[in-house]
């Protein structure tokens, strides 16, 4: 496991859903307990990139703006907890489960919510949390919505 001067690394997947916000709060609390840091990772993909016949819609996607939004979102969700832990936010293009599994290499833990923003394609491909649990190179915590107090 990767440990730096900031302590062990905890990776958490964020997708804007309430379940991912609870996963973020859980990951930060855990990092505080173990003296670690948190990498919040948001993955995005576009229909044209996964074989839909519709044209790709990412021509106007602004990764810097998305990262800024992710940081604002994290501050809102975490409130005061954020000041006490090192938090790095990343926005990465690609399949969410593949991105999270790769991001978890060398991490102590991968944390995901049990239900995100996926829709019909999740029924065909399997959920992100399931794929992470099957393929992650480290232990995975799947946080169920409503199982912890608000931060």
Protein backbone atom coordinates (compact mmCIF):
# COMPACT_ATOMS: atom_id res chain seq x y z
CA UNK A 1 0.00 0.00 0.00
CA UNK A 2 1.06 3.49 -0.82
CA UNK A 3 1.85 5.64 2.20
CA UNK A 4 3.32 9.11 1.88
CA UNK A 5 4.09 11.85 4.36
CA UNK A 6 0.33 12.52 4.19
CA UNK A 7 -0.44 8.96 5.30
CA UNK A 8 -2.35 6.14 3.61
CA UNK A 9 -4.48 6.98 0.58
CA UNK A 10 -8.24 6.45 0.46
CA UNK A 11 -9.91 6.70 -2.97
CA UNK A 12 -13.59 7.62 -3.25
CA UNK A 13 -15.81 7.73 -6.31
CA UNK A 14 -18.02 10.80 -6.74
CA UNK A 15 -20.81 11.14 -9.30
CA UNK A 16 -23.12 13.79 -7.85
CA UNK A 17 -25.53 11.31 -6.29
CA UNK A 18 -26.48 11.37 -2.61
CA UNK A 19 -24.93 7.90 -2.23
CA UNK A 20 -21.59 9.22 -3.50
CA UNK A 21 -21.81 12.14 -1.05
CA UNK A 22 -22.26 9.68 1.79
CA UNK A 23 -19.31 7.69 0.46
CA UNK A 24 -17.23 10.89 0.45
CA UNK A 25 -18.16 11.67 4.07
CA UNK A 26 -17.36 8.07 5.05
CA UNK A 27 -13.99 8.18 3.27
CA UNK A 28 -13.03 11.46 4.97
CA UNK A 29 -13.99 10.14 8.41
CA UNK A 30 -11.94 7.00 7.78
CA UNK A 31 -8.95 9.01 6.56
CA UNK A 32 -9.15 11.13 9.71
CA UNK A 33 -9.08 7.98 11.88
CA UNK A 34 -6.05 6.52 10.12
CA UNK A 35 -4.15 9.74 9.48
CA UNK A 36 -4.61 9.42 5.74
CA UNK A 37 -5.58 11.48 2.74
CA UNK A 38 -8.50 11.24 0.30
CA UNK A 39 -8.49 11.17 -3.49
CA UNK A 40 -12.00 12.03 -4.75
CA UNK A 41 -12.37 10.80 -8.32
CA UNK A 42 -15.19 11.70 -10.70
CA UNK A 43 -15.30 9.80 -13.97
CA UNK A 44 -17.26 10.88 -17.02
CA UNK A 45 -17.93 9.24 -20.31
CA UNK A 46 -19.95 10.24 -23.35
CA UNK A 47 -22.42 8.18 -25.39
CA UNK A 48 -20.29 8.37 -28.56
CA UNK A 49 -17.36 6.88 -26.65
CA UNK A 50 -19.28 3.73 -25.68
CA UNK A 51 -20.79 2.73 -28.99
CA UNK A 52 -24.08 4.64 -29.11
CA UNK A 53 -25.12 5.76 -32.56
CA UNK A 54 -25.69 9.29 -31.26
CA UNK A 55 -22.88 11.76 -31.89
CA UNK A 56 -20.39 12.41 -29.12
CA UNK A 57 -21.46 15.25 -26.84
CA UNK A 58 -18.14 16.13 -25.25
CA UNK A 59 -17.05 18.81 -27.70
CA UNK A 60 -17.84 21.52 -25.16
CA UNK A 61 -16.80 19.58 -22.04
CA UNK A 62 -14.47 21.62 -19.88
CA UNK A 63 -12.43 19.40 -17.53
CA UNK A 64 -11.08 22.39 -15.58
CA UNK A 65 -14.61 23.64 -14.96
CA UNK A 66 -15.70 20.13 -13.95
CA UNK A 67 -12.83 19.88 -11.46
CA UNK A 68 -13.75 23.29 -10.01
CA UNK A 69 -17.35 22.13 -9.66
CA UNK A 70 -16.19 18.91 -7.98
CA UNK A 71 -14.16 20.92 -5.45
CA UNK A 72 -17.13 23.17 -4.69
CA UNK A 73 -19.36 20.13 -4.36
CA UNK A 74 -16.90 18.46 -1.96
CA UNK A 75 -16.69 21.60 0.20
CA UNK A 76 -20.48 21.78 0.41
CA UNK A 77 -20.88 18.09 1.24
CA UNK A 78 -18.08 17.96 3.79
CA UNK A 79 -18.43 21.27 5.57
CA UNK A 80 -15.85 21.48 8.35
CA UNK A 81 -14.54 17.92 7.91
CA UNK A 82 -12.57 18.94 4.82
CA UNK A 83 -10.26 21.28 6.71
CA UNK A 84 -8.94 18.36 8.73
CA UNK A 85 -7.90 16.03 5.91
CA UNK A 86 -5.91 16.31 2.69
CA UNK A 87 -8.39 16.04 -0.19
CA UNK A 88 -7.44 15.87 -3.87
CA UNK A 89 -10.15 16.05 -6.52
CA UNK A 90 -9.72 14.56 -9.99
CA UNK A 91 -12.02 14.43 -13.01
CA UNK A 92 -11.11 11.66 -15.46
CA UNK A 93 -12.69 10.61 -18.74
CA UNK A 94 -13.54 6.95 -19.05
CA UNK A 95 -15.63 4.14 -17.68
CA UNK A 96 -16.27 4.85 -13.98
CA UNK A 97 -15.46 1.38 -12.65
CA UNK A 98 -12.28 1.12 -14.72
CA UNK A 99 -11.16 4.60 -13.65
CA UNK A 100 -11.81 3.85 -9.96
CA UNK A 101 -10.07 0.46 -10.07
CA UNK A 102 -7.02 2.09 -11.65
CA UNK A 103 -7.08 4.99 -9.18
CA UNK A 104 -7.16 2.49 -6.31
CA UNK A 105 -3.78 0.97 -7.23
CA UNK A 106 -1.58 1.45 -4.18
CA UNK A 107 -4.46 2.77 -2.07
CA UNK A 108 -5.43 1.40 1.31
CA UNK A 109 -9.13 1.50 0.47
CA UNK A 110 -11.63 2.29 -2.29
CA UNK A 111 -14.98 3.74 -1.18
CA UNK A 112 -18.07 3.95 -3.40
CA UNK A 113 -21.77 4.55 -2.90
CA UNK A 114 -24.14 1.66 -3.45
CA UNK A 115 -26.24 3.53 -5.99
CA UNK A 116 -25.13 6.30 -8.28
CA UNK A 117 -26.49 8.11 -11.28
CA UNK A 118 -26.40 5.12 -13.63
CA UNK A 119 -29.47 4.15 -15.58
CA UNK A 120 -30.37 1.50 -18.12
CA UNK A 121 -26.77 0.79 -19.15
CA UNK A 122 -26.00 -0.25 -15.57
CA UNK A 123 -28.53 -3.05 -15.93
CA UNK A 124 -26.59 -4.35 -18.90
CA UNK A 125 -23.04 -3.79 -17.71
CA UNK A 126 -23.30 -4.22 -13.94
CA UNK A 127 -23.05 -1.48 -11.36
CA UNK A 128 -19.91 0.48 -10.66
CA UNK A 129 -19.86 -0.69 -7.05
CA UNK A 130 -20.12 -4.33 -8.13
CA UNK A 131 -17.33 -3.97 -10.70
CA UNK A 132 -15.12 -2.22 -8.15
CA UNK A 133 -15.75 -4.93 -5.56
CA UNK A 134 -14.78 -7.59 -8.10
CA UNK A 135 -11.71 -5.94 -9.61
CA UNK A 136 -10.18 -3.41 -7.20
CA UNK A 137 -6.59 -4.08 -6.07
CA UNK A 138 -7.48 -3.11 -2.48
CA UNK A 139 -10.39 -3.56 -0.08
CA UNK A 140 -13.63 -1.86 -1.15
CA UNK A 141 -16.25 -0.26 1.09
CA UNK A 142 -19.69 0.17 -0.42
CA UNK A 143 -21.59 2.79 1.56
CA UNK A 144 -25.35 2.40 1.62
CA UNK A 145 -27.40 5.56 1.56
CA UNK A 146 -28.89 6.52 4.91
CA UNK A 147 -26.57 4.40 7.07
CA UNK A 148 -24.55 7.19 8.66
CA UNK A 149 -25.22 10.55 10.26
CA UNK A 150 -24.68 13.67 8.16
CA UNK A 151 -21.29 15.34 8.35
